PDB file of all heavy atoms in Angstrom:
ATOM      1  N   LEU A   1       0.847  -1.195   0.002  1.00  0.00           N
ATOM      2  CA  LEU A   1       0.001   0.000  -0.002  1.00  0.00           C
ATOM      3  C   LEU A   1       0.880   1.238   0.000  1.00  0.00           C
ATOM      4  O   LEU A   1       1.604   1.493   0.960  1.00  0.00           O
ATOM      5  CB  LEU A   1      -0.918  -0.011   1.232  1.00  0.00           C
ATOM      6  CG  LEU A   1      -1.883   1.162   1.402  1.00  0.00           C
ATOM      7  CD1 LEU A   1      -2.830   1.263   0.212  1.00  0.00           C
ATOM      8  CD2 LEU A   1      -2.682   1.005   2.690  1.00  0.00           C
ATOM      9  N   GLY A   2       0.839   1.988  -1.109  1.00  0.00           N
ATOM     10  CA  GLY A   2       1.620   3.210  -1.223  1.00  0.00           C
ATOM     11  C   GLY A   2       2.919   2.998  -1.963  1.00  0.00           C
ATOM     12  O   GLY A   2       3.709   2.127  -1.614  1.00  0.00           O
ATOM     13  N   LEU A   3       3.141   3.810  -3.003  1.00  0.00           N
ATOM     14  CA  LEU A   3       4.354   3.664  -3.810  1.00  0.00           C
ATOM     15  C   LEU A   3       5.238   4.891  -3.633  1.00  0.00           C
ATOM     16  O   LEU A   3       5.138   5.868  -4.366  1.00  0.00           O
ATOM     17  CB  LEU A   3       3.992   3.481  -5.288  1.00  0.00           C
ATOM     18  CG  LEU A   3       5.164   3.207  -6.241  1.00  0.00           C
ATOM     19  CD1 LEU A   3       5.973   2.013  -5.778  1.00  0.00           C
ATOM     20  CD2 LEU A   3       4.642   2.973  -7.660  1.00  0.00           C
ATOM     21  N   GLY A   4       6.102   4.806  -2.629  1.00  0.00           N
ATOM     22  CA  GLY A   4       7.067   5.870  -2.352  1.00  0.00           C
ATOM     23  C   GLY A   4       8.390   5.254  -1.999  1.00  0.00           C
ATOM     24  O   GLY A   4       8.749   4.176  -2.482  1.00  0.00           O
ATOM     25  N   GLY A   5       9.152   5.945  -1.140  1.00  0.00           N
ATOM     26  CA  GLY A   5      10.464   5.446  -0.750  1.00  0.00           C
ATOM     27  C   GLY A   5      10.418   4.060  -0.144  1.00  0.00           C
ATOM     28  O   GLY A   5      11.209   3.184  -0.494  1.00  0.00           O
ATOM     29  N   LEU A   6       9.473   3.820   0.764  1.00  0.00           N
ATOM     30  CA  LEU A   6       9.305   2.505   1.369  1.00  0.00           C
ATOM     31  C   LEU A   6       8.624   1.538   0.406  1.00  0.00           C
ATOM     32  O   LEU A   6       9.047   0.406   0.237  1.00  0.00           O
ATOM     33  CB  LEU A   6       8.495   2.605   2.663  1.00  0.00           C
ATOM     34  CG  LEU A   6       9.121   3.334   3.848  1.00  0.00           C
ATOM     35  CD1 LEU A   6       8.142   3.379   5.009  1.00  0.00           C
ATOM     36  CD2 LEU A   6      10.400   2.651   4.285  1.00  0.00           C
ATOM     37  N   GLY A   7       7.541   2.011  -0.208  1.00  0.00           N
ATOM     38  CA  GLY A   7       6.740   1.136  -1.060  1.00  0.00           C
ATOM     39  C   GLY A   7       7.514   0.532  -2.210  1.00  0.00           C
ATOM     40  O   GLY A   7       7.363  -0.662  -2.516  1.00  0.00           O
ATOM     41  N   HIS A   8       8.367   1.314  -2.844  1.00  0.00           N
ATOM     42  CA  HIS A   8       9.074   0.774  -4.007  1.00  0.00           C
ATOM     43  C   HIS A   8      10.087  -0.298  -3.593  1.00  0.00           C
ATOM     44  O   HIS A   8      10.320  -1.263  -4.308  1.00  0.00           O
ATOM     45  CB  HIS A   8       9.708   1.898  -4.836  1.00  0.00           C
ATOM     46  CG  HIS A   8      11.124   2.249  -4.531  1.00  0.00           C
ATOM     47  ND1 HIS A   8      11.490   2.921  -3.383  1.00  0.00           N
ATOM     48  CD2 HIS A   8      12.266   2.043  -5.234  1.00  0.00           C
ATOM     49  CE1 HIS A   8      12.806   3.106  -3.400  1.00  0.00           C
ATOM     50  NE2 HIS A   8      13.309   2.578  -4.502  1.00  0.00           N
ATOM     51  N   MET A   9      10.650  -0.161  -2.385  1.00  0.00           N
ATOM     52  CA  MET A   9      11.552  -1.200  -1.889  1.00  0.00           C
ATOM     53  C   MET A   9      10.777  -2.440  -1.443  1.00  0.00           C
ATOM     54  O   MET A   9      11.240  -3.570  -1.632  1.00  0.00           O
ATOM     55  CB  MET A   9      12.394  -0.672  -0.735  1.00  0.00           C
ATOM     56  CG  MET A   9      13.442   0.361  -1.127  1.00  0.00           C
ATOM     57  SD  MET A   9      14.546  -0.163  -2.465  1.00  0.00           S
ATOM     58  CE  MET A   9      15.154  -1.737  -1.867  1.00  0.00           C
ATOM     59  N   ALA A  10       9.595  -2.241  -0.869  1.00  0.00           N
ATOM     60  CA  ALA A  10       8.768  -3.387  -0.475  1.00  0.00           C
ATOM     61  C   ALA A  10       8.402  -4.232  -1.687  1.00  0.00           C
ATOM     62  O   ALA A  10       8.421  -5.465  -1.626  1.00  0.00           O
ATOM     63  CB  ALA A  10       7.502  -2.902   0.239  1.00  0.00           C
ATOM     64  N   VAL A  11       8.082  -3.577  -2.804  1.00  0.00           N
ATOM     65  CA  VAL A  11       7.769  -4.305  -4.032  1.00  0.00           C
ATOM     66  C   VAL A  11       8.993  -5.101  -4.492  1.00  0.00           C
ATOM     67  O   VAL A  11       8.904  -6.294  -4.802  1.00  0.00           O
ATOM     68  CB  VAL A  11       7.309  -3.348  -5.145  1.00  0.00           C
ATOM     69  CG1 VAL A  11       7.229  -4.075  -6.487  1.00  0.00           C
ATOM     70  CG2 VAL A  11       5.957  -2.741  -4.810  1.00  0.00           C
ATOM     71  N   LYS A  12      10.149  -4.443  -4.533  1.00  0.00           N
ATOM     72  CA  LYS A  12      11.362  -5.122  -5.019  1.00  0.00           C
ATOM     73  C   LYS A  12      11.703  -6.344  -4.170  1.00  0.00           C
ATOM     74  O   LYS A  12      12.009  -7.420  -4.703  1.00  0.00           O
ATOM     75  CB  LYS A  12      12.540  -4.149  -5.020  1.00  0.00           C
ATOM     76  CG  LYS A  12      12.446  -3.066  -6.086  1.00  0.00           C
ATOM     77  CD  LYS A  12      13.731  -2.256  -6.165  1.00  0.00           C
ATOM     78  CE  LYS A  12      13.654  -1.205  -7.253  1.00  0.00           C
ATOM     79  NZ  LYS A  12      14.942  -0.549  -7.535  1.00  0.00           N
ATOM     80  N   PHE A  13      11.644  -6.200  -2.850  1.00  0.00           N
ATOM     81  CA  PHE A  13      12.001  -7.325  -1.986  1.00  0.00           C
ATOM     82  C   PHE A  13      10.961  -8.443  -2.068  1.00  0.00           C
ATOM     83  O   PHE A  13      11.321  -9.624  -2.176  1.00  0.00           O
ATOM     84  CB  PHE A  13      12.161  -6.860  -0.544  1.00  0.00           C
ATOM     85  CG  PHE A  13      13.464  -6.166  -0.255  1.00  0.00           C
ATOM     86  CD1 PHE A  13      13.483  -4.963   0.427  1.00  0.00           C
ATOM     87  CD2 PHE A  13      14.664  -6.716  -0.658  1.00  0.00           C
ATOM     88  CE1 PHE A  13      14.685  -4.311   0.698  1.00  0.00           C
ATOM     89  CE2 PHE A  13      15.879  -6.081  -0.388  1.00  0.00           C
ATOM     90  CZ  PHE A  13      15.876  -4.872   0.285  1.00  0.00           C
ATOM     91  N   ALA A  14       9.681  -8.106  -1.996  1.00  0.00           N
ATOM     92  CA  ALA A  14       8.634  -9.130  -2.006  1.00  0.00           C
ATOM     93  C   ALA A  14       8.679  -9.937  -3.303  1.00  0.00           C
ATOM     94  O   ALA A  14       8.538 -11.161  -3.286  1.00  0.00           O
ATOM     95  CB  ALA A  14       7.266  -8.492  -1.817  1.00  0.00           C
ATOM     96  N   VAL A  15       8.900  -9.256  -4.426  1.00  0.00           N
ATOM     97  CA  VAL A  15       9.023  -9.949  -5.705  1.00  0.00           C
ATOM     98  C   VAL A  15      10.256 -10.852  -5.707  1.00  0.00           C
ATOM     99  O   VAL A  15      10.205 -12.011  -6.134  1.00  0.00           O
ATOM    100  CB  VAL A  15       9.094  -8.941  -6.876  1.00  0.00           C
ATOM    101  CG1 VAL A  15       9.485  -9.635  -8.177  1.00  0.00           C
ATOM    102  CG2 VAL A  15       7.766  -8.224  -7.044  1.00  0.00           C
ATOM    103  N   SER A  16      11.375 -10.325  -5.197  1.00  0.00           N
ATOM    104  CA  SER A  16      12.609 -11.103  -5.146  1.00  0.00           C
ATOM    105  C   SER A  16      12.468 -12.346  -4.276  1.00  0.00           C
ATOM    106  O   SER A  16      13.047 -13.394  -4.575  1.00  0.00           O
ATOM    107  CB  SER A  16      13.754 -10.238  -4.617  1.00  0.00           C
ATOM    108  OG  SER A  16      14.955 -10.959  -4.528  1.00  0.00           O
ATOM    109  N   PHE A  17      11.646 -12.257  -3.228  1.00  0.00           N
ATOM    110  CA  PHE A  17      11.444 -13.389  -2.328  1.00  0.00           C
ATOM    111  C   PHE A  17      10.478 -14.428  -2.896  1.00  0.00           C
ATOM    112  O   PHE A  17      10.266 -15.478  -2.293  1.00  0.00           O
ATOM    113  CB  PHE A  17      10.930 -12.917  -0.967  1.00  0.00           C
ATOM    114  CG  PHE A  17      11.879 -12.023  -0.215  1.00  0.00           C
ATOM    115  CD1 PHE A  17      11.419 -11.219   0.820  1.00  0.00           C
ATOM    116  CD2 PHE A  17      13.230 -11.968  -0.537  1.00  0.00           C
ATOM    117  CE1 PHE A  17      12.293 -10.396   1.528  1.00  0.00           C
ATOM    118  CE2 PHE A  17      14.104 -11.145   0.152  1.00  0.00           C
ATOM    119  CZ  PHE A  17      13.633 -10.347   1.188  1.00  0.00           C
ATOM    120  N   GLY A  18       9.869 -14.120  -4.055  1.00  0.00           N
ATOM    121  CA  GLY A  18       9.019 -15.098  -4.718  1.00  0.00           C
ATOM    122  C   GLY A  18       7.535 -14.916  -4.521  1.00  0.00           C
ATOM    123  O   GLY A  18       6.739 -15.743  -4.980  1.00  0.00           O
ATOM    124  N   ALA A  19       7.108 -13.855  -3.849  1.00  0.00           N
ATOM    125  CA  ALA A  19       5.689 -13.626  -3.604  1.00  0.00           C
ATOM    126  C   ALA A  19       4.998 -13.061  -4.850  1.00  0.00           C
ATOM    127  O   ALA A  19       5.641 -12.490  -5.732  1.00  0.00           O
ATOM    128  CB  ALA A  19       5.504 -12.668  -2.429  1.00  0.00           C
ATOM    129  N   GLU A  20       3.689 -13.234  -4.908  1.00  0.00           N
ATOM    130  CA  GLU A  20       2.860 -12.596  -5.932  1.00  0.00           C
ATOM    131  C   GLU A  20       2.447 -11.238  -5.378  1.00  0.00           C
ATOM    132  O   GLU A  20       1.771 -11.162  -4.344  1.00  0.00           O
ATOM    133  CB  GLU A  20       1.628 -13.450  -6.233  1.00  0.00           C
ATOM    134  CG  GLU A  20       0.737 -12.871  -7.323  1.00  0.00           C
ATOM    135  CD  GLU A  20      -0.482 -13.739  -7.605  1.00  0.00           C
ATOM    136  OE1 GLU A  20      -0.433 -14.953  -7.304  1.00  0.00           O
ATOM    137  OE2 GLU A  20      -1.474 -13.203  -8.119  1.00  0.00           O
ATOM    138  N   VAL A  21       2.866 -10.169  -6.031  1.00  0.00           N
ATOM    139  CA  VAL A  21       2.777  -8.829  -5.450  1.00  0.00           C
ATOM    140  C   VAL A  21       1.774  -7.955  -6.185  1.00  0.00           C
ATOM    141  O   VAL A  21       1.788  -7.870  -7.427  1.00  0.00           O
ATOM    142  CB  VAL A  21       4.162  -8.147  -5.457  1.00  0.00           C
ATOM    143  CG1 VAL A  21       4.062  -6.743  -4.862  1.00  0.00           C
ATOM    144  CG2 VAL A  21       5.167  -8.987  -4.677  1.00  0.00           C
ATOM    145  N   THR A  22       0.915  -7.306  -5.408  1.00  0.00           N
ATOM    146  CA  THR A  22      -0.059  -6.350  -5.919  1.00  0.00           C
ATOM    147  C   THR A  22       0.221  -4.979  -5.343  1.00  0.00           C
ATOM    148  O   THR A  22       0.374  -4.840  -4.125  1.00  0.00           O
ATOM    149  CB  THR A  22      -1.502  -6.766  -5.559  1.00  0.00           C
ATOM    150  OG1 THR A  22      -1.785  -8.041  -6.134  1.00  0.00           O
ATOM    151  CG2 THR A  22      -2.513  -5.741  -6.059  1.00  0.00           C
ATOM    152  N   MET A  23       0.299  -3.978  -6.185  1.00  0.00           N
ATOM    153  CA  MET A  23       0.434  -2.604  -5.714  1.00  0.00           C
ATOM    154  C   MET A  23      -0.950  -1.996  -5.536  1.00  0.00           C
ATOM    155  O   MET A  23      -1.794  -2.060  -6.439  1.00  0.00           O
ATOM    156  CB  MET A  23       1.245  -1.767  -6.717  1.00  0.00           C
ATOM    157  CG  MET A  23       1.229  -0.263  -6.481  1.00  0.00           C
ATOM    158  SD  MET A  23       1.738   0.261  -4.814  1.00  0.00           S
ATOM    159  CE  MET A  23       3.398  -0.360  -4.765  1.00  0.00           C
ATOM    160  N   LEU A  24      -1.197  -1.424  -4.363  1.00  0.00           N
ATOM    161  CA  LEU A  24      -2.432  -0.707  -4.075  1.00  0.00           C
ATOM    162  C   LEU A  24      -2.126   0.771  -4.007  1.00  0.00           C
ATOM    163  O   LEU A  24      -1.272   1.201  -3.233  1.00  0.00           O
ATOM    164  CB  LEU A  24      -3.030  -1.172  -2.735  1.00  0.00           C
ATOM    165  CG  LEU A  24      -3.343  -2.661  -2.592  1.00  0.00           C
ATOM    166  CD1 LEU A  24      -3.835  -2.950  -1.179  1.00  0.00           C
ATOM    167  CD2 LEU A  24      -4.398  -3.086  -3.610  1.00  0.00           C
ATOM    168  N   SER A  25      -2.821   1.573  -4.810  1.00  0.00           N
ATOM    169  CA  SER A  25      -2.507   2.999  -4.874  1.00  0.00           C
ATOM    170  C   SER A  25      -3.757   3.803  -5.177  1.00  0.00           C
ATOM    171  O   SER A  25      -4.711   3.308  -5.792  1.00  0.00           O
ATOM    172  CB  SER A  25      -1.452   3.264  -5.946  1.00  0.00           C
ATOM    173  OG  SER A  25      -1.198   4.645  -6.085  1.00  0.00           O
ATOM    174  N   THR A  26      -3.735   5.065  -4.751  1.00  0.00           N
ATOM    175  CA  THR A  26      -4.834   5.989  -5.075  1.00  0.00           C
ATOM    176  C   THR A  26      -4.612   6.651  -6.425  1.00  0.00           C
ATOM    177  O   THR A  26      -5.492   7.347  -6.914  1.00  0.00           O
ATOM    178  CB  THR A  26      -4.947   7.088  -4.004  1.00  0.00           C
ATOM    179  OG1 THR A  26      -3.704   7.807  -3.943  1.00  0.00           O
ATOM    180  CG2 THR A  26      -5.263   6.505  -2.638  1.00  0.00           C
ATOM    181  N   SER A  27      -3.450   6.443  -7.012  1.00  0.00           N
ATOM    182  CA  SER A  27      -3.078   7.138  -8.243  1.00  0.00           C
ATOM    183  C   SER A  27      -2.921   6.154  -9.399  1.00  0.00           C
ATOM    184  O   SER A  27      -2.012   5.321  -9.401  1.00  0.00           O
ATOM    185  CB  SER A  27      -1.780   7.905  -8.044  1.00  0.00           C
ATOM    186  OG  SER A  27      -1.349   8.511  -9.236  1.00  0.00           O
TER     187      SER A  27
END
């Protein structure tokens, strides 16, 4: 939830760890 400084790293790590990742955003 949220694509900023934290969010973009959370996506990178979760994908790297093998999870299926969904970005939730208001934009």
